[in-house]
C-alpha atoms as a PDB file:
ATOM      1  CA  MET A   1      52.135   3.612-195.750  1.00  0.00           C
ATOM      2  CA  LYS A   2      51.413   5.369-199.652  1.00  0.00           C
ATOM      3  CA  ILE A   3      53.671   5.062-201.833  1.00  0.00           C
ATOM      4  CA  ILE A   4      53.690   7.230-204.759  1.00  0.00           C
ATOM      5  CA  LYS A   5      55.725   7.174-208.195  1.00  0.00           C
ATOM      6  CA  ILE A   6      56.921  11.004-210.274  1.00  0.00           C
ATOM      7  CA  GLY A   7      58.674  10.332-213.389  1.00  0.00           C
ATOM      8  CA  ALA A   8      61.486   7.770-212.401  1.00  0.00           C
ATOM      9  CA  CYS A   9      61.592   8.535-207.983  1.00  0.00           C
ATOM     10  CA  ILE A  10      59.994   6.397-205.559  1.00  0.00           C
ATOM     11  CA  ILE A  11      58.261   8.959-203.008  1.00  0.00           C
ATOM     12  CA  LEU A  12      57.516   7.483-199.559  1.00  0.00           C
ATOM     13  CA  ILE A  13      55.061   9.449-197.747  1.00  0.00           C
ATOM     14  CA  VAL A  14      54.554   7.740-194.036  1.00  0.00           C
ATOM     15  CA  SER A  15      51.544   8.462-192.318  1.00  0.00           C
ATOM     16  CA  ILE A  16      52.161   8.890-188.932  1.00  0.00           C
ATOM     17  CA  CYS A  17      50.344   9.791-185.746  1.00  0.00           C
ATOM     18  CA  THR A  18      52.891  11.745-183.105  1.00  0.00           C
ATOM     19  CA  LEU A  19      51.455  13.974-182.255  1.00  0.00           C
ATOM     20  CA  CYS A  20      52.751  15.993-178.969  1.00  0.00           C
ATOM     21  CA  GLY A  21      51.399  18.001-176.875  1.00  0.00           C
ATOM     22  CA  CYS A  22      47.838  16.555-177.299  1.00  0.00           C
ATOM     23  CA  ASP A  23      45.266  14.233-177.149  1.00  0.00           C
ATOM     24  CA  TYR A  24      44.453  12.359-179.843  1.00  0.00           C
ATOM     25  CA  GLN A  25      41.638   9.995-181.057  1.00  0.00           C
ATOM     26  CA  SER A  26      39.319   8.677-183.805  1.00  0.00           C
ATOM     27  CA  ASN A  27      35.901   8.572-183.559  1.00  0.00           C
ATOM     28  CA  VAL A  28      35.573   9.544-179.939  1.00  0.00           C
ATOM     29  CA  LYS A  29      34.597  13.005-179.248  1.00  0.00           C
ATOM     30  CA  PRO A  30      36.282  14.730-175.823  1.00  0.00           C
ATOM     31  CA  GLU A  31      34.623  16.861-173.870  1.00  0.00           C
ATOM     32  CA  ILE A  32      34.982  20.727-174.667  1.00  0.00           C
ATOM     33  CA  PRO A  33      38.089  21.957-172.144  1.00  0.00           C
ATOM     34  CA  ILE A  34      37.931  24.633-169.937  1.00  0.00           C
ATOM     35  CA  VAL A  35      39.162  27.625-171.151  1.00  0.00           C
ATOM     36  CA  ALA A  36      42.405  28.720-169.517  1.00  0.00           C
ATOM     37  CA  GLY A  37      43.403  30.819-171.778  1.00  0.00           C
ATOM     38  CA  ASN A  38      42.917  32.489-175.713  1.00  0.00           C
ATOM     39  CA  PHE A  39      42.449  31.358-179.273  1.00  0.00           C
ATOM     40  CA  ASP A  40      43.318  33.290-181.611  1.00  0.00           C
ATOM     41  CA  PHE A  41      44.199  33.185-185.657  1.00  0.00           C
ATOM     42  CA  THR A  42      44.964  35.577-188.907  1.00  0.00           C
ATOM     43  CA  VAL A  43      42.902  34.381-192.047  1.00  0.00           C
ATOM     44  CA  LEU A  44      45.534  36.716-194.918  1.00  0.00           C
ATOM     45  CA  LYS A  45      44.434  38.532-197.390  1.00  0.00           C
ATOM     46  CA  ALA A  46      45.778  36.270-200.581  1.00  0.00           C
ATOM     47  CA  GLY A  47      43.358  36.622-203.361  1.00  0.00           C
ATOM     48  CA  GLN A  48      41.107  33.641-203.522  1.00  0.00           C
ATOM     49  CA  ALA A  49      43.537  31.527-201.918  1.00  0.00           C
ATOM     50  CA  ASP A  50      43.198  30.401-198.257  1.00  0.00           C
ATOM     51  CA  ALA A  51      45.976  30.574-196.032  1.00  0.00           C
ATOM     52  CA  ILE A  52      45.218  30.806-191.264  1.00  0.00           C
ATOM     53  CA  PHE A  53      47.664  30.819-189.315  1.00  0.00           C
ATOM     54  CA  MET A  54      46.063  30.153-185.395  1.00  0.00           C
ATOM     55  CA  GLN A  55      47.547  29.665-181.762  1.00  0.00           C
ATOM     56  CA  THR A  56      46.565  28.562-179.127  1.00  0.00           C
ATOM     57  CA  GLU A  57      48.301  29.333-175.426  1.00  0.00           C
ATOM     58  CA  ASN A  58      50.829  27.248-176.298  1.00  0.00           C
ATOM     59  CA  HIS A  59      50.609  25.869-179.751  1.00  0.00           C
ATOM     60  CA  SER A  60      50.748  26.681-183.366  1.00  0.00           C
ATOM     61  CA  ILE A  61      48.116  25.824-186.238  1.00  0.00           C
ATOM     62  CA  ILE A  62      48.530  27.160-190.293  1.00  0.00           C
ATOM     63  CA  LEU A  63      45.358  25.493-191.761  1.00  0.00           C
ATOM     64  CA  ASP A  64      46.254  25.700-196.107  1.00  0.00           C
ATOM     65  CA  CYS A  65      49.516  27.830-197.114  1.00  0.00           C
ATOM     66  CA  GLY A  66      47.786  29.964-200.310  1.00  0.00           C
ATOM     67  CA  GLU A  67      48.827  30.006-203.539  1.00  0.00           C
ATOM     68  CA  LYS A  68      52.750  29.628-204.480  1.00  0.00           C
ATOM     69  CA  ASP A  69      53.903  33.283-203.314  1.00  0.00           C
ATOM     70  CA  ASP A  70      51.390  33.911-200.389  1.00  0.00           C
ATOM     71  CA  GLY A  71      54.097  31.678-199.092  1.00  0.00           C
ATOM     72  CA  ASP A  72      56.238  34.582-198.248  1.00  0.00           C
ATOM     73  CA  GLU A  73      53.301  37.006-196.793  1.00  0.00           C
ATOM     74  CA  LEU A  74      52.469  32.989-194.535  1.00  0.00           C
ATOM     75  CA  THR A  75      56.481  33.084-193.571  1.00  0.00           C
ATOM     76  CA  GLU A  76      56.677  37.164-192.566  1.00  0.00           C
ATOM     77  CA  LEU A  77      54.175  36.441-190.213  1.00  0.00           C
ATOM     78  CA  LEU A  78      55.565  33.927-188.130  1.00  0.00           C
ATOM     79  CA  GLN A  79      58.826  35.413-188.430  1.00  0.00           C
ATOM     80  CA  GLU A  80      56.794  38.517-186.384  1.00  0.00           C
ATOM     81  CA  LYS A  81      55.172  35.772-183.876  1.00  0.00           C
ATOM     82  CA  GLY A  82      58.431  34.542-183.355  1.00  0.00           C
ATOM     83  CA  ILE A  83      57.709  30.726-184.742  1.00  0.00           C
ATOM     84  CA  SER A  84      60.307  28.499-185.971  1.00  0.00           C
ATOM     85  CA  ASN A  85      57.715  25.328-185.795  1.00  0.00           C
ATOM     86  CA  VAL A  86      54.464  24.963-185.613  1.00  0.00           C
ATOM     87  CA  ASP A  87      52.718  22.126-184.085  1.00  0.00           C
ATOM     88  CA  TYR A  88      50.389  21.716-186.982  1.00  0.00           C
ATOM     89  CA  ILE A  89      50.379  21.945-190.999  1.00  0.00           C
ATOM     90  CA  PHE A  90      46.624  21.562-192.867  1.00  0.00           C
ATOM     91  CA  ILE A  91      46.299  21.111-196.606  1.00  0.00           C
ATOM     92  CA  THR A  92      42.287  20.910-196.667  1.00  0.00           C
ATOM     93  CA  HIS A  93      42.746  20.312-200.323  1.00  0.00           C
ATOM     94  CA  PHE A  94      45.578  19.984-202.842  1.00  0.00           C
ATOM     95  CA  ASP A  95      44.243  22.743-204.693  1.00  0.00           C
ATOM     96  CA  LYS A  96      46.854  25.357-206.355  1.00  0.00           C
ATOM     97  CA  ASP A  97      45.440  27.872-203.952  1.00  0.00           C
ATOM     98  CA  HIS A  98      45.716  26.003-200.809  1.00  0.00           C
ATOM     99  CA  VAL A  99      49.260  23.860-200.938  1.00  0.00           C
ATOM    100  CA  GLY A 100      50.918  26.046-203.458  1.00  0.00           C
ATOM    101  CA  GLY A 101      52.313  27.943-200.387  1.00  0.00           C
ATOM    102  CA  PHE A 102      54.123  25.218-198.689  1.00  0.00           C
ATOM    103  CA  PRO A 103      57.361  25.010-200.098  1.00  0.00           C
ATOM    104  CA  GLU A 104      57.951  28.328-199.019  1.00  0.00           C
ATOM    105  CA  VAL A 105      56.460  27.543-195.836  1.00  0.00           C
ATOM    106  CA  MET A 106      59.052  24.511-195.020  1.00  0.00           C
ATOM    107  CA  ASP A 107      61.714  26.077-196.222  1.00  0.00           C
ATOM    108  CA  ASN A 108      61.407  28.417-193.540  1.00  0.00           C
ATOM    109  CA  VAL A 109      59.779  26.452-190.503  1.00  0.00           C
ATOM    110  CA  THR A 110      59.543  23.039-189.446  1.00  0.00           C
ATOM    111  CA  ALA A 111      56.272  21.159-188.939  1.00  0.00           C
ATOM    112  CA  SER A 112      55.963  17.989-186.477  1.00  0.00           C
ATOM    113  CA  ASN A 113      52.950  16.896-187.314  1.00  0.00           C
ATOM    114  CA  ILE A 114      51.326  17.848-191.817  1.00  0.00           C
ATOM    115  CA  LEU A 115      47.756  16.878-192.078  1.00  0.00           C
ATOM    116  CA  VAL A 116      45.939  16.163-195.267  1.00  0.00           C
ATOM    117  CA  PRO A 117      43.199  14.363-196.910  1.00  0.00           C
ATOM    118  CA  ASP A 118      43.810  10.832-198.391  1.00  0.00           C
ATOM    119  CA  TYR A 119      43.786  11.163-202.237  1.00  0.00           C
ATOM    120  CA  GLU A 120      46.406  12.452-204.910  1.00  0.00           C
ATOM    121  CA  GLY A 121      46.151  15.967-206.433  1.00  0.00           C
ATOM    122  CA  ASN A 122      47.273  16.729-210.428  1.00  0.00           C
ATOM    123  CA  ASN A 123      48.323  19.792-211.428  1.00  0.00           C
ATOM    124  CA  ASP A 124      51.426  21.858-210.472  1.00  0.00           C
ATOM    125  CA  GLU A 125      51.818  22.411-207.153  1.00  0.00           C
ATOM    126  CA  TYR A 126      50.562  18.836-206.465  1.00  0.00           C
ATOM    127  CA  GLU A 127      54.518  18.296-207.746  1.00  0.00           C
ATOM    128  CA  GLU A 128      55.624  20.473-206.037  1.00  0.00           C
ATOM    129  CA  TYR A 129      54.447  19.675-202.830  1.00  0.00           C
ATOM    130  CA  LEU A 130      55.659  15.927-203.105  1.00  0.00           C
ATOM    131  CA  LYS A 131      59.325  17.158-204.231  1.00  0.00           C
ATOM    132  CA  THR A 132      59.149  19.393-200.599  1.00  0.00           C
ATOM    133  CA  VAL A 133      57.743  15.821-198.921  1.00  0.00           C
ATOM    134  CA  SER A 134      61.384  14.175-200.332  1.00  0.00           C
ATOM    135  CA  ASN A 135      63.391  16.388-200.531  1.00  0.00           C
ATOM    136  CA  LYS A 136      62.995  17.121-196.847  1.00  0.00           C
ATOM    137  CA  GLY A 137      62.152  13.900-196.075  1.00  0.00           C
ATOM    138  CA  LEU A 138      58.949  14.937-194.722  1.00  0.00           C
ATOM    139  CA  GLN A 139      56.103  12.644-192.784  1.00  0.00           C
ATOM    140  CA  ILE A 140      52.827  13.437-193.604  1.00  0.00           C
ATOM    141  CA  THR A 141      49.966  12.004-192.004  1.00  0.00           C
ATOM    142  CA  SER A 142      46.654  11.328-194.833  1.00  0.00           C
ATOM    143  CA  LEU A 143      43.592  11.638-192.653  1.00  0.00           C
ATOM    144  CA  THR A 144      41.730   8.031-193.948  1.00  0.00           C
ATOM    145  CA  GLU A 145      38.938   8.480-191.311  1.00  0.00           C
ATOM    146  CA  ASP A 146      37.316  11.448-188.145  1.00  0.00           C
ATOM    147  CA  THR A 147      39.848  12.611-186.245  1.00  0.00           C
ATOM    148  CA  ASN A 148      39.846  15.341-182.944  1.00  0.00           C
ATOM    149  CA  PHE A 149      42.752  16.390-180.190  1.00  0.00           C
ATOM    150  CA  ILE A 150      42.801  19.092-177.957  1.00  0.00           C
ATOM    151  CA  LEU A 151      45.463  21.372-178.029  1.00  0.00           C
ATOM    152  CA  ASP A 152      45.133  23.615-174.586  1.00  0.00           C
ATOM    153  CA  ASP A 153      41.958  24.159-173.750  1.00  0.00           C
ATOM    154  CA  VAL A 154      40.678  24.200-177.976  1.00  0.00           C
ATOM    155  CA  LEU A 155      38.972  20.715-179.442  1.00  0.00           C
ATOM    156  CA  PHE A 156      39.589  20.627-182.990  1.00  0.00           C
ATOM    157  CA  GLU A 157      37.445  18.027-184.867  1.00  0.00           C
ATOM    158  CA  VAL A 158      38.719  17.033-188.028  1.00  0.00           C
ATOM    159  CA  SER A 159      36.171  15.466-190.961  1.00  0.00           C
ATOM    160  CA  VAL A 160      37.563  13.678-193.917  1.00  0.00           C
ATOM    161  CA  PRO A 161      35.939  12.950-197.425  1.00  0.00           C
ATOM    162  CA  LYS A 162      33.887   9.608-197.364  1.00  0.00           C
ATOM    163  CA  LYS A 163      34.035   8.785-200.861  1.00  0.00           C
ATOM    164  CA  GLN A 164      36.174   7.671-203.119  1.00  0.00           C
ATOM    165  CA  SER A 165      35.235  10.520-205.976  1.00  0.00           C
ATOM    166  CA  TYR A 166      33.640  13.305-206.135  1.00  0.00           C
ATOM    167  CA  ALA A 167      31.630  15.043-209.329  1.00  0.00           C
ATOM    168  CA  GLU A 168      33.296  18.634-208.071  1.00  0.00           C
ATOM    169  CA  GLY A 169      37.022  16.399-208.057  1.00  0.00           C
ATOM    170  CA  ASP A 170      39.528  18.055-206.107  1.00  0.00           C
ATOM    171  CA  ASN A 171      36.984  20.986-204.111  1.00  0.00           C
ATOM    172  CA  ASP A 172      34.963  17.906-202.211  1.00  0.00           C
ATOM    173  CA  PHE A 173      37.672  16.266-200.651  1.00  0.00           C
ATOM    174  CA  SER A 174      38.468  19.229-198.102  1.00  0.00           C
ATOM    175  CA  LEU A 175      38.855  19.172-194.953  1.00  0.00           C
ATOM    176  CA  VAL A 176      36.234  20.162-192.434  1.00  0.00           C
ATOM    177  CA  ILE A 177      37.548  21.250-188.813  1.00  0.00           C
ATOM    178  CA  SER A 178      35.571  22.094-186.334  1.00  0.00           C
ATOM    179  CA  VAL A 179      37.101  24.128-183.816  1.00  0.00           C
ATOM    180  CA  THR A 180      35.624  24.371-180.324  1.00  0.00           C
ATOM    181  CA  HIS A 181      36.852  26.512-177.230  1.00  0.00           C
ATOM    182  CA  GLY A 182      34.489  27.485-174.779  1.00  0.00           C
ATOM    183  CA  GLU A 183      31.683  29.241-175.543  1.00  0.00           C
ATOM    184  CA  ASN A 184      32.762  29.389-179.230  1.00  0.00           C
ATOM    185  CA  ALA A 185      32.803  27.512-182.198  1.00  0.00           C
ATOM    186  CA  PHE A 186      34.278  27.410-185.599  1.00  0.00           C
ATOM    187  CA  LEU A 187      33.879  26.136-188.907  1.00  0.00           C
ATOM    188  CA  PHE A 188      37.062  25.513-191.180  1.00  0.00           C
ATOM    189  CA  THR A 189      35.687  24.286-194.804  1.00  0.00           C
ATOM    190  CA  GLY A 190      38.192  24.615-197.375  1.00  0.00           C
ATOM    191  CA  ASP A 191      36.352  24.761-200.852  1.00  0.00           C
ATOM    192  CA  ALA A 192      33.821  21.988-200.106  1.00  0.00           C
ATOM    193  CA  GLU A 193      31.206  21.913-202.174  1.00  0.00           C
ATOM    194  CA  ALA A 194      27.200  20.680-202.511  1.00  0.00           C
ATOM    195  CA  ASP A 195      28.462  16.456-202.142  1.00  0.00           C
ATOM    196  CA  ARG A 196      31.085  17.673-199.481  1.00  0.00           C
ATOM    197  CA  LEU A 197      28.736  19.880-197.589  1.00  0.00           C
ATOM    198  CA  THR A 198      25.489  17.224-197.619  1.00  0.00           C
ATOM    199  CA  GLU A 199      28.502  15.252-195.666  1.00  0.00           C
ATOM    200  CA  VAL A 200      29.738  18.456-193.835  1.00  0.00           C
ATOM    201  CA  LEU A 201      25.833  18.982-192.674  1.00  0.00           C
ATOM    202  CA  SER A 202      25.544  14.688-190.993  1.00  0.00           C
ATOM    203  CA  GLU A 203      28.284  15.627-189.054  1.00  0.00           C
ATOM    204  CA  PHE A 204      28.208  18.892-187.876  1.00  0.00           C
ATOM    205  CA  GLY A 205      25.421  20.242-188.159  1.00  0.00           C
ATOM    206  CA  ARG A 206      24.486  22.650-185.852  1.00  0.00           C
ATOM    207  CA  GLN A 207      24.581  26.708-185.315  1.00  0.00           C
ATOM    208  CA  TYR A 208      28.236  28.294-185.249  1.00  0.00           C
ATOM    209  CA  ASP A 209      29.390  31.650-183.946  1.00  0.00           C
ATOM    210  CA  PHE A 210      32.337  31.562-187.133  1.00  0.00           C
ATOM    211  CA  LEU A 211      32.727  30.043-190.524  1.00  0.00           C
ATOM    212  CA  LYS A 212      35.432  29.978-192.892  1.00  0.00           C
ATOM    213  CA  VAL A 213      32.417  30.594-195.945  1.00  0.00           C
ATOM    214  CA  PRO A 214      33.431  26.997-198.496  1.00  0.00           C
ATOM    215  CA  HIS A 215      35.125  27.518-201.762  1.00  0.00           C
ATOM    216  CA  HIS A 216      36.069  31.952-201.955  1.00  0.00           C
ATOM    217  CA  GLY A 217      32.074  32.007-200.932  1.00  0.00           C
ATOM    218  CA  LYS A 218      30.710  30.772-204.809  1.00  0.00           C
ATOM    219  CA  ALA A 219      27.378  29.571-204.528  1.00  0.00           C
ATOM    220  CA  ASN A 220      26.083  26.123-205.052  1.00  0.00           C
ATOM    221  CA  LYS A 221      22.550  24.218-204.655  1.00  0.00           C
ATOM    222  CA  ASN A 222      23.722  22.817-200.928  1.00  0.00           C
ATOM    223  CA  THR A 223      24.620  26.838-200.156  1.00  0.00           C
ATOM    224  CA  LYS A 224      21.743  28.174-198.609  1.00  0.00           C
ATOM    225  CA  ARG A 225      20.886  24.184-196.603  1.00  0.00           C
ATOM    226  CA  PHE A 226      24.338  24.964-195.731  1.00  0.00           C
ATOM    227  CA  ILE A 227      24.485  28.586-194.516  1.00  0.00           C
ATOM    228  CA  THR A 228      20.705  28.362-193.307  1.00  0.00           C
ATOM    229  CA  THR A 229      21.748  25.809-190.830  1.00  0.00           C
ATOM    230  CA  VAL A 230      24.906  26.989-189.712  1.00  0.00           C
ATOM    231  CA  LYS A 231      23.780  30.802-188.948  1.00  0.00           C
ATOM    232  CA  PRO A 232      26.916  32.174-188.494  1.00  0.00           C
ATOM    233  CA  THR A 233      27.350  34.908-186.718  1.00  0.00           C
ATOM    234  CA  TYR A 234      30.619  35.798-187.881  1.00  0.00           C
ATOM    235  CA  SER A 235      31.574  35.119-191.581  1.00  0.00           C
ATOM    236  CA  VAL A 236      34.898  35.355-193.464  1.00  0.00           C
ATOM    237  CA  ILE A 237      35.354  34.782-197.070  1.00  0.00           C
ATOM    238  CA  CYS A 238      38.263  34.205-199.209  1.00  0.00           C
ATOM    239  CA  ASP A 239      38.696  36.613-202.020  1.00  0.00           C
ATOM    240  CA  SER A 240      39.428  38.683-204.167  1.00  0.00           C
ATOM    241  CA  ASP A 241      38.392  41.814-206.112  1.00  0.00           C
ATOM    242  CA  LYS A 242      38.817  39.882-209.018  1.00  0.00           C
ATOM    243  CA  ASN A 243      37.009  37.045-208.050  1.00  0.00           C
ATOM    244  CA  PRO A 244      34.565  38.264-205.389  1.00  0.00           C
ATOM    245  CA  THR A 245      31.816  36.345-203.826  1.00  0.00           C
ATOM    246  CA  GLU A 246      28.521  35.129-206.042  1.00  0.00           C
ATOM    247  CA  ASP A 247      25.306  37.540-204.756  1.00  0.00           C
ATOM    248  CA  GLU A 248      23.921  34.686-203.686  1.00  0.00           C
ATOM    249  CA  THR A 249      25.877  34.097-201.383  1.00  0.00           C
ATOM    250  CA  ILE A 250      26.216  36.863-199.649  1.00  0.00           C
ATOM    251  CA  SER A 251      21.996  37.350-199.735  1.00  0.00           C
ATOM    252  CA  ILE A 252      22.030  34.190-197.591  1.00  0.00           C
ATOM    253  CA  LEU A 253      25.074  35.404-195.879  1.00  0.00           C
ATOM    254  CA  GLU A 254      22.550  38.654-194.876  1.00  0.00           C
ATOM    255  CA  PHE A 255      19.386  36.641-194.698  1.00  0.00           C
ATOM    256  CA  VAL A 256      21.272  34.588-191.665  1.00  0.00           C
ATOM    257  CA  GLU A 257      22.032  38.092-190.286  1.00  0.00           C
ATOM    258  CA  SER A 258      25.750  36.743-190.593  1.00  0.00           C
ATOM    259  CA  GLU A 259      28.248  39.884-189.867  1.00  0.00           C
ATOM    260  CA  ILE A 260      30.215  39.450-193.113  1.00  0.00           C
ATOM    261  CA  TYR A 261      33.984  40.584-194.058  1.00  0.00           C
ATOM    262  CA  SER A 262      36.437  39.344-196.825  1.00  0.00           C
ATOM    263  CA  THR A 263      39.935  39.094-197.135  1.00  0.00           C
ATOM    264  CA  ARG A 264      40.188  41.246-200.655  1.00  0.00           C
ATOM    265  CA  ASN A 265      39.721  44.473-197.655  1.00  0.00           C
ATOM    266  CA  GLY A 266      43.185  43.272-195.838  1.00  0.00           C
ATOM    267  CA  ASN A 267      43.951  40.397-193.504  1.00  0.00           C
ATOM    268  CA  ILE A 268      41.320  39.604-190.354  1.00  0.00           C
ATOM    269  CA  SER A 269      42.609  38.854-186.788  1.00  0.00           C
ATOM    270  CA  VAL A 270      40.034  37.357-184.888  1.00  0.00           C
ATOM    271  CA  LEU A 271      40.512  36.354-180.953  1.00  0.00           C
ATOM    272  CA  SER A 272      38.320  34.116-178.199  1.00  0.00           C
ATOM    273  CA  ASP A 273      38.485  34.012-174.631  1.00  0.00           C
ATOM    274  CA  GLY A 274      35.980  31.684-174.616  1.00  0.00           C
ATOM    275  CA  LYS A 275      33.098  33.553-174.570  1.00  0.00           C
ATOM    276  CA  GLU A 276      32.975  36.448-176.530  1.00  0.00           C
ATOM    277  CA  ILE A 277      34.753  36.368-180.095  1.00  0.00           C
ATOM    278  CA  LYS A 278      36.368  40.133-181.095  1.00  0.00           C
ATOM    279  CA  ILE A 279      37.838  40.525-185.133  1.00  0.00           C
ATOM    280  CA  VAL A 280      39.747  42.993-186.301  1.00  0.00           C
ATOM    281  CA  GLN A 281      40.242  43.852-189.563  1.00  0.00           C
END
């Protein structure tokens, strides 16, 4: 349980593990489930921001909510799919381009589980997030240890930051999520920078079929080591014409012969049947 004071208000954040319809464990990796259906997700065109909506056969997941103005687009996508309750919302960290759209989303849908890293942000969007949590009485799980769970035939492994502080601040507090669906493996890295990528490699240091490129394609001292280890067949970068991916990152991705997609060109839809991956933009 965590009590956070904002101005004259005391906001009670309750950490829960009431995760319905799934197996939920910490530090114990289950076997990869037998494929029984599809796994798909959409990476929204949201400028230099992350907003991703995922679906297993019977469950739905939001991975980050983009900036404040992106909440509308994410809500529209949910409405198009007829979804009024999301099973999981992950906020990888509290930068404005990941948590900014959260209030708008929560004005339009409910969420069974909301998972965040265990630290405090320091921007206006974080304050709005806390107000939304307080006003709506939302139950938040602040993750303090690595966690995994299964939804239908999809395995989710969540890596939490291992330090109490980082030189890069918020970015290195990013939750990083490895997703396995049959023979296909996906890695979602938030805005992880050099120190956090070292931690990620110690946990997920293997080849992946799909990579959500860290920190909108910005390069750091560990970018080359990270990408050449992960060697993604497909890479998606959440960037924009105003803030494009750095050339160094593109060069490394091309070196490992990754097929590169950018959200600046529109939404990106990804479908896995457990053996093959199809990407449409």
